[in-house]
Protein backbone atom coordinates (compact mmCIF):
# COMPACT_ATOMS: atom_id res chain seq x y z
CA MET A 1 -4.44 138.47 -30.89
CA ASN A 2 -5.67 135.22 -31.65
CA VAL A 3 -5.71 132.43 -28.80
CA PRO A 4 -4.56 128.85 -30.07
CA ASP A 5 -6.90 125.92 -29.91
CA ARG A 6 -6.35 123.36 -27.17
CA ASP A 7 -6.84 120.42 -29.44
CA GLU A 8 -4.18 121.97 -31.76
CA TYR A 9 -1.80 122.44 -28.87
CA PRO A 10 -2.41 119.79 -26.09
CA ILE A 11 -1.24 120.36 -22.83
CA PRO A 12 0.95 117.67 -21.35
CA GLU A 13 -0.59 115.68 -18.48
CA ALA A 14 1.13 115.76 -15.01
CA PRO A 15 3.13 112.66 -14.01
CA GLU A 16 1.30 109.87 -11.93
CA PRO A 17 1.98 109.99 -8.28
CA LYS A 18 4.51 107.39 -6.93
CA SER A 19 1.97 106.19 -4.15
CA ARG A 20 -0.51 105.07 -6.76
CA PHE A 21 2.12 102.97 -8.79
CA HIS A 22 3.06 101.01 -5.68
CA THR A 23 -0.47 100.27 -4.83
CA ARG A 24 -1.06 98.73 -8.31
CA LEU A 25 2.16 96.73 -8.08
CA ALA A 26 1.16 95.31 -4.60
CA LEU A 27 -2.11 94.27 -6.04
CA MET A 28 -0.43 92.47 -8.93
CA LEU A 29 1.84 90.69 -6.63
CA VAL A 30 -0.93 89.43 -4.31
CA GLY A 31 -3.01 88.14 -7.33
CA ILE A 32 -0.03 86.04 -8.64
CA GLY A 33 0.45 84.57 -5.03
CA ALA A 34 -3.04 83.49 -4.77
CA VAL A 35 -3.10 81.84 -8.14
CA ALA A 36 0.16 79.97 -7.18
CA ALA A 37 -1.59 78.84 -3.93
CA GLY A 38 -4.51 77.61 -5.78
CA VAL A 39 -2.26 75.63 -8.02
CA TYR A 40 -0.31 74.09 -5.07
CA TYR A 41 -3.03 73.30 -2.82
CA GLY A 42 -5.72 72.47 -5.42
CA PRO A 43 -4.66 68.84 -6.11
CA ARG A 44 -4.34 67.95 -2.38
CA ALA A 45 -7.75 69.15 -1.69
CA SER A 46 -9.11 67.18 -4.53
CA ALA A 47 -7.37 63.91 -3.51
CA ALA A 48 -8.53 64.38 0.10
CA GLU A 49 -12.21 64.90 -1.06
CA SER A 50 -11.84 61.67 -3.31
CA LYS A 51 -10.40 59.65 -0.53
CA HIS A 52 -13.16 60.61 1.80
CA GLU A 53 -15.85 59.78 -0.78
CA ALA A 54 -14.48 56.27 -1.77
CA PRO A 55 -16.45 53.27 -0.19
CA ALA A 56 -14.78 50.97 2.36
CA MET A 57 -13.44 47.52 1.10
CA ALA A 58 -15.74 44.52 1.70
CA PRO A 59 -14.23 41.71 3.96
CA ALA A 60 -12.59 38.94 2.24
CA LYS A 61 -14.85 35.76 1.76
CA VAL A 62 -13.28 32.52 3.15
CA THR A 63 -14.51 28.88 3.99
CA VAL A 64 -13.93 27.65 7.53
CA SER A 65 -14.17 24.20 9.15
CA THR A 66 -14.38 23.54 12.50
CA VAL A 67 -11.67 21.38 14.41
CA GLU A 68 -12.87 18.09 15.18
CA GLN A 69 -11.96 15.87 18.22
CA GLN A 70 -12.11 12.26 18.14
CA THR A 71 -10.86 9.20 20.07
CA LEU A 72 -8.37 7.64 17.81
CA ALA A 73 -5.31 5.31 17.86
CA GLU A 74 -2.11 6.46 15.81
CA HIS A 75 -0.95 4.17 13.13
CA ARG A 76 2.11 3.60 10.96
CA GLU A 77 1.62 2.72 7.22
CA LEU A 78 3.56 0.01 5.80
CA ILE A 79 4.14 -1.30 2.47
CA GLY A 80 3.41 -5.00 2.01
CA ARG A 81 2.80 -7.57 -0.61
CA VAL A 82 -0.14 -10.03 -0.85
CA ASP A 83 0.81 -13.69 -1.14
CA ALA A 84 -1.35 -16.98 -1.04
CA ARG A 85 -1.44 -19.21 1.89
CA GLU A 86 -0.17 -22.00 -0.43
CA THR A 87 1.57 -21.96 -3.67
CA VAL A 88 2.55 -25.05 -5.56
CA GLU A 89 4.60 -25.29 -8.75
CA ILE A 90 3.24 -28.20 -10.73
CA ARG A 91 6.27 -30.24 -12.24
CA PRO A 92 6.15 -33.82 -13.78
CA ARG A 93 7.41 -36.67 -11.53
CA VAL A 94 8.26 -38.83 -14.41
CA PRO A 95 9.62 -37.75 -17.84
CA GLY A 96 7.60 -38.29 -21.07
CA HIS A 97 5.57 -36.57 -23.77
CA ILE A 98 2.48 -34.51 -22.81
CA ASP A 99 -0.63 -36.34 -24.10
CA ASP A 100 -3.29 -33.88 -22.83
CA VAL A 101 -4.12 -30.84 -20.88
CA ARG A 102 -7.28 -31.19 -18.85
CA PHE A 103 -8.01 -27.73 -17.35
CA GLN A 104 -8.96 -24.12 -18.26
CA ALA A 105 -6.59 -21.58 -17.35
CA GLY A 106 -7.53 -19.43 -14.46
CA SER A 107 -10.18 -21.85 -13.14
CA VAL A 108 -10.51 -23.17 -9.81
CA VAL A 109 -9.43 -26.95 -9.45
CA GLU A 110 -10.09 -29.43 -6.63
CA LYS A 111 -7.45 -31.35 -4.81
CA GLY A 112 -6.88 -34.46 -6.97
CA ASP A 113 -8.07 -33.14 -10.37
CA ILE A 114 -5.99 -34.20 -13.40
CA LEU A 115 -4.18 -31.38 -14.90
CA PHE A 116 -1.90 -33.12 -17.36
CA VAL A 117 -1.52 -36.58 -18.83
CA ILE A 118 1.93 -37.98 -19.87
CA ASP A 119 2.11 -40.85 -22.29
CA PRO A 120 1.50 -43.85 -20.13
CA ARG A 121 2.49 -46.68 -22.41
CA GLN A 122 6.10 -47.31 -21.42
CA TYR A 123 5.08 -47.13 -17.68
CA ARG A 124 2.21 -49.50 -18.23
CA ALA A 125 4.68 -51.93 -19.94
CA GLN A 126 7.12 -51.42 -16.80
CA VAL A 127 4.14 -52.40 -14.38
CA ASP A 128 3.42 -55.49 -16.54
CA LEU A 129 7.27 -56.46 -16.69
CA ALA A 130 7.43 -56.07 -12.77
CA ALA A 131 4.37 -58.03 -12.29
CA ALA A 132 5.73 -60.92 -14.28
CA ALA A 133 9.13 -60.70 -12.07
CA VAL A 134 7.07 -61.06 -8.98
CA GLU A 135 5.29 -63.96 -10.35
CA ARG A 136 8.58 -65.69 -11.21
CA ALA A 137 9.99 -64.91 -7.69
CA LYS A 138 6.87 -66.45 -6.06
CA VAL A 139 7.65 -69.72 -8.09
CA ARG A 140 11.20 -69.77 -6.86
CA VAL A 141 10.21 -69.28 -3.35
CA GLY A 142 7.80 -72.31 -3.66
CA ILE A 143 10.49 -74.48 -5.06
CA ALA A 144 12.92 -73.48 -2.36
CA GLU A 145 10.22 -74.01 0.50
CA SER A 146 9.64 -77.61 -0.62
CA GLU A 147 13.33 -78.36 -0.82
CA ALA A 148 13.92 -76.88 2.73
CA LYS A 149 11.07 -78.96 4.04
CA ARG A 150 12.36 -82.25 2.70
CA THR A 151 15.88 -81.38 3.92
CA GLY A 152 14.79 -81.79 7.51
CA SER A 153 13.69 -85.43 6.95
CA LEU A 154 16.64 -86.37 4.68
CA LEU A 155 19.08 -84.96 7.19
CA ALA A 156 17.74 -87.17 9.91
CA THR A 157 18.33 -90.21 7.76
CA ARG A 158 21.69 -88.92 6.71
CA ALA A 159 20.43 -88.94 2.99
CA VAL A 160 21.91 -85.28 2.45
CA SER A 161 24.67 -83.75 4.22
CA VAL A 162 24.62 -80.81 6.64
CA GLU A 163 26.30 -78.74 3.97
CA GLU A 164 23.54 -79.47 1.43
CA SER A 165 20.77 -78.61 4.06
CA ASP A 166 22.41 -75.35 4.60
CA THR A 167 22.65 -74.55 0.90
CA ARG A 168 18.76 -75.38 0.43
CA ASN A 169 17.90 -73.03 3.47
CA SER A 170 20.12 -70.31 1.99
CA ARG A 171 18.32 -70.72 -1.52
CA LEU A 172 14.95 -70.34 0.36
CA ALA A 173 16.03 -67.07 2.08
CA GLU A 174 17.56 -65.72 -1.08
CA ALA A 175 14.22 -66.64 -3.00
CA ARG A 176 12.34 -64.76 -0.54
CA THR A 177 14.44 -61.78 -0.63
CA ASP A 178 14.03 -61.73 -4.64
CA LEU A 179 10.35 -61.91 -4.19
CA SER A 180 10.52 -58.71 -1.85
CA ALA A 181 12.68 -56.94 -4.49
CA ALA A 182 10.29 -57.86 -7.27
CA GLU A 183 7.27 -56.69 -5.25
CA ALA A 184 8.97 -53.43 -4.54
CA THR A 185 9.82 -52.97 -8.19
CA LEU A 186 6.21 -53.50 -9.03
CA VAL A 187 5.20 -50.87 -6.53
CA SER A 188 7.69 -48.40 -7.95
CA ALA A 189 6.35 -49.12 -11.50
CA LYS A 190 2.81 -48.61 -10.35
CA LEU A 191 3.76 -45.33 -8.92
CA ASN A 192 5.38 -44.13 -12.11
CA LEU A 193 2.35 -45.19 -13.98
CA GLU A 194 0.28 -43.18 -11.50
CA TYR A 195 2.44 -40.17 -11.91
CA THR A 196 1.69 -40.02 -15.73
CA GLU A 197 -1.49 -38.32 -14.45
CA VAL A 198 -0.24 -35.01 -12.95
CA ARG A 199 -2.92 -34.01 -10.31
CA ALA A 200 -3.54 -30.78 -8.40
CA PRO A 201 -2.15 -31.21 -4.82
CA ILE A 202 -4.22 -28.61 -3.37
CA ARG A 203 -7.61 -26.89 -4.07
CA GLY A 204 -6.99 -23.48 -5.70
CA LYS A 205 -6.82 -21.32 -8.73
CA VAL A 206 -4.68 -22.73 -11.59
CA ASN A 207 -2.43 -20.75 -13.84
CA ARG A 208 -2.28 -21.13 -17.62
CA ALA A 209 -0.45 -24.12 -19.03
CA LEU A 210 3.12 -23.53 -19.51
CA VAL A 211 3.90 -26.42 -21.67
CA THR A 212 1.32 -27.81 -24.04
CA ALA A 213 0.45 -31.26 -25.60
CA GLY A 214 3.28 -32.82 -27.54
CA ASN A 215 6.22 -31.58 -25.65
CA LEU A 216 8.73 -33.86 -23.86
CA VAL A 217 9.09 -32.91 -20.27
CA SER A 218 11.10 -33.80 -17.29
CA SER A 219 11.18 -32.87 -13.55
CA GLU A 220 12.95 -29.66 -14.43
CA ASN A 221 10.07 -28.38 -16.45
CA LEU A 222 7.47 -26.20 -14.80
CA LEU A 223 4.02 -27.04 -16.08
CA THR A 224 1.82 -24.60 -14.31
CA THR A 225 1.16 -23.13 -10.74
CA VAL A 226 -1.79 -23.60 -8.29
CA VAL A 227 -2.48 -20.96 -5.46
CA SER A 228 -4.86 -21.61 -2.84
CA THR A 229 -8.11 -19.58 -2.41
CA GLY A 230 -9.52 -18.09 0.61
CA ASP A 231 -7.52 -16.13 3.27
CA VAL A 232 -4.39 -14.63 2.09
CA TYR A 233 -1.05 -13.64 3.70
CA VAL A 234 0.36 -10.18 3.59
CA TYR A 235 4.08 -9.69 4.23
CA ALA A 236 5.33 -6.21 5.43
CA ASP A 237 8.82 -4.99 6.53
CA VAL A 238 8.65 -3.21 9.85
CA ASP A 239 11.26 -0.81 11.06
CA GLU A 240 12.78 -1.49 14.42
CA ASN A 241 11.25 1.53 16.10
CA THR A 242 7.70 0.72 14.92
CA ALA A 243 8.24 -2.80 16.13
CA LEU A 244 9.35 -1.64 19.39
CA ALA A 245 6.52 0.66 19.79
CA PHE A 246 3.92 -1.92 18.71
CA ASP A 247 5.40 -4.68 21.08
CA ARG A 248 5.34 -2.13 23.93
CA LEU A 249 1.54 -1.88 23.44
CA ARG A 250 1.10 -5.43 23.18
CA ARG A 251 3.16 -6.11 26.36
CA GLU A 252 1.11 -3.48 28.34
CA LYS A 253 -2.01 -4.99 26.86
CA LYS A 254 -3.27 -1.61 25.58
CA MET A 255 -4.39 -3.16 22.31
CA GLY A 256 -6.87 -5.40 24.02
CA GLU A 257 -6.63 -9.28 24.53
CA GLY A 258 -6.57 -11.78 21.59
CA GLN A 259 -5.46 -11.21 18.06
CA LEU A 260 -3.68 -7.85 17.16
CA MET A 261 -5.86 -6.33 14.38
CA VAL A 262 -4.57 -4.41 11.43
CA GLU A 263 -6.14 -2.59 8.47
CA MET A 264 -5.23 -2.82 4.66
CA GLN A 265 -5.95 -1.36 1.37
CA VAL A 266 -4.79 -2.27 -2.17
CA GLY A 267 -4.84 -0.29 -5.34
CA ASP A 268 -7.24 2.46 -5.64
CA GLU A 269 -9.17 1.60 -2.60
CA LYS A 270 -10.32 4.38 -0.27
CA ASP A 271 -9.68 4.12 3.44
CA TYR A 272 -8.79 0.61 4.75
CA PRO A 273 -11.64 -1.66 4.03
CA HIS A 274 -9.82 -4.81 4.83
CA ARG A 275 -9.40 -6.22 8.51
CA GLY A 276 -6.95 -8.82 9.39
CA PHE A 277 -4.59 -9.73 12.23
CA ILE A 278 -0.93 -10.33 12.89
CA GLU A 279 -0.12 -14.02 12.49
CA SER A 280 3.66 -14.10 13.21
CA ALA A 281 6.83 -12.03 13.08
CA ASP A 282 10.40 -12.88 12.34
CA ASN A 283 12.38 -13.88 15.51
CA ARG A 284 15.27 -11.35 14.58
CA VAL A 285 15.92 -8.19 13.00
CA ASP A 286 17.79 -8.04 9.81
CA ALA A 287 21.04 -6.15 10.56
CA ALA A 288 21.32 -4.98 7.02
CA THR A 289 18.02 -3.19 6.80
CA GLY A 290 17.07 -2.78 10.47
CA THR A 291 13.71 -4.36 9.76
CA LEU A 292 11.72 -7.60 10.48
CA VAL A 293 8.91 -9.16 8.51
CA TYR A 294 5.43 -9.30 9.87
CA ARG A 295 3.06 -11.85 8.36
CA MET A 296 -0.76 -11.04 8.58
CA ILE A 297 -3.75 -12.84 7.68
CA PHE A 298 -6.66 -11.32 5.68
CA SER A 299 -10.04 -12.77 4.63
CA ASN A 300 -10.50 -12.92 0.87
CA GLU A 301 -14.00 -14.52 0.27
CA ASP A 302 -14.69 -12.36 -2.82
CA GLU A 303 -11.15 -13.24 -4.12
CA SER A 304 -10.33 -9.71 -4.96
CA LEU A 305 -6.91 -9.91 -3.07
CA VAL A 306 -4.71 -11.43 -5.86
CA PRO A 307 -1.25 -12.71 -4.83
CA GLY A 308 1.48 -10.48 -5.75
CA LEU A 309 -0.41 -7.15 -5.19
CA TYR A 310 1.21 -4.36 -3.30
CA ALA A 311 -0.73 -3.45 -0.07
CA ARG A 312 -0.78 -0.60 2.38
CA VAL A 313 -1.13 -1.77 5.99
CA ARG A 314 -1.94 0.33 8.99
CA LEU A 315 -0.22 -0.94 12.21
CA PRO A 316 -1.55 0.66 15.40
CA VAL A 317 1.33 2.17 17.50
CA SER A 318 -0.58 3.84 20.27
CA ALA A 319 -3.54 3.30 22.36
CA PRO A 320 -6.85 5.28 21.61
CA ALA A 321 -6.60 8.81 22.77
CA PRO A 322 -8.38 12.21 21.99
CA ALA A 323 -7.00 13.67 18.55
CA LEU A 324 -7.57 16.80 16.91
CA LEU A 325 -8.42 16.70 13.08
CA VAL A 326 -8.22 19.35 10.36
CA SER A 327 -8.23 19.12 6.65
CA GLU A 328 -4.96 19.14 4.82
CA ARG A 329 -6.10 22.09 2.85
CA SER A 330 -6.08 24.24 5.87
CA ILE A 331 -2.43 23.86 6.57
CA GLY A 332 0.13 26.19 5.10
CA THR A 333 3.88 26.32 5.26
CA ASN A 334 6.06 29.16 6.23
CA GLN A 335 9.63 28.19 5.49
CA SER A 336 10.03 25.14 7.94
CA GLN A 337 7.04 26.01 9.94
CA LYS A 338 3.48 24.71 9.41
CA PHE A 339 0.69 26.89 10.39
CA VAL A 340 -3.13 27.38 10.09
CA LEU A 341 -5.29 30.51 9.92
CA THR A 342 -8.18 30.66 12.35
CA VAL A 343 -11.20 32.93 12.57
CA LYS A 344 -11.96 34.55 15.94
CA PRO A 345 -15.53 35.27 17.19
CA ASP A 346 -15.10 38.80 16.00
CA ASN A 347 -14.29 37.38 12.43
CA THR A 348 -10.64 38.55 12.57
CA VAL A 349 -7.94 36.26 11.42
CA ALA A 350 -5.36 34.73 13.63
CA TYR A 351 -2.10 33.10 12.66
CA ARG A 352 -1.42 29.61 14.56
CA THR A 353 1.77 27.74 14.27
CA VAL A 354 1.02 24.03 14.57
CA LYS A 355 2.68 20.63 15.17
CA LEU A 356 1.47 17.93 12.73
CA GLY A 357 0.93 14.25 13.51
CA PRO A 358 -0.05 11.30 11.22
CA VAL A 359 -2.94 11.26 8.56
CA LEU A 360 -6.03 9.52 9.99
CA GLN A 361 -9.25 9.10 8.21
CA GLY A 362 -8.21 11.39 5.48
CA LYS A 363 -7.45 14.24 7.81
CA ARG A 364 -4.27 15.45 9.51
CA VAL A 365 -3.76 15.01 13.17
CA ILE A 366 -2.73 18.34 14.93
CA ARG A 367 -0.75 17.78 17.99
CA GLU A 368 -0.31 21.44 19.26
CA GLY A 369 -1.45 24.93 18.30
CA ILE A 370 -5.21 24.80 18.14
CA GLU A 371 -8.02 23.75 20.33
CA PRO A 372 -11.24 21.91 19.69
CA GLY A 373 -13.96 24.08 18.17
CA ASP A 374 -11.58 26.49 16.62
CA ARG A 375 -12.62 27.69 13.26
CA VAL A 376 -9.74 27.15 10.56
CA ILE A 377 -9.60 28.53 7.12
CA VAL A 378 -9.69 25.93 4.49
CA ASN A 379 -10.29 27.92 1.24
CA GLY A 380 -8.79 31.48 0.85
CA LEU A 381 -5.63 31.30 2.79
CA GLN A 382 -3.79 33.24 0.05
CA ARG A 383 -6.22 36.27 0.17
CA VAL A 384 -5.93 36.99 3.95
CA THR A 385 -3.30 37.73 6.59
CA ALA A 386 -3.42 37.84 10.30
CA GLY A 387 -5.56 40.73 11.71
CA MET A 388 -7.76 41.07 8.58
CA ILE A 389 -11.53 40.81 9.13
CA VAL A 390 -13.12 38.22 6.96
CA ASP A 391 -16.49 36.97 5.84
CA PRO A 392 -16.50 33.16 6.91
CA ALA A 393 -18.70 30.48 5.51
CA VAL A 394 -19.00 26.98 7.00
CA ALA A 395 -17.58 24.22 4.56
CA ASN A 396 -19.81 21.30 3.61
């Protein structure tokens, strides 16, 4: 009997045991969990490593300035106007036609210089007429005196009546009166002739000619103006509180003895280069504005102070006292509060609320909040906050 080949009739394999299947399943689950854990924790580990390896941020660079302490007096700034000590409007005293203009616009004229000449012919004729009237009056006085002298002897011999004697004496008195009137008319005529030469009443700088030759003028016409040279006045309105503070210092003699000094600048001048003193003040406060006018005198040797200029005047309102000064750039605003940022010795930033005073010498006075020698930040306030460490550099 032939036995069948194994390859031709394969023998079926026995089923795999259940324990081996469970083992493979457990291994697959463990592998899947490990992969999930790696996906979840992998980014965190990478971020932690990058954070650990990043370099530290360098301190912010700022510019600082040391708080200055100086002995200064507080001032109030006033707006005033420069004016000449003497201002004259030149008008003709007699009517007539302008014959000549004898000055250059803007030049300095001396007192008595001829500025305008009015046609003098009619006034010279009036002088001649008045002089003839004087001579005629003198002749009449002579005749009346002769008659009056003879009256005495004639009256003694009863050659004339008393009434005739009184009449002759009356004619003498009338003739003398007429002579006085004629002499006065002559003086007036000579004055009018003199007024045809319009002269400068003061020494000063003359304006341009407002009326030229050939025009008919009268006393209503303004010919030109002359303003005095040298010292000038400055008028400024002072509010009553400032005036009271200033007067208190003056009464207590905290401003020293003598003239009360003030400072002034005009236009684009820096600081207050002009020094002057208070000459006078109004004797009452204007009830409508609550101010009174101070008049101050300033030297003007170089004639740079032109009448009409606006001026800023500094008026002292306190005695000299220690004051803390900082740059305006170091002051910040936090809503309604003013503050500065200071740098401590360990280069950390500190926030200080301050109380401001006036501006003196181009810097701001700080009344409260800082101490002398503190370092305040003047550049870089926007880049730092309180508590930060900074790299300070001293401002020039």
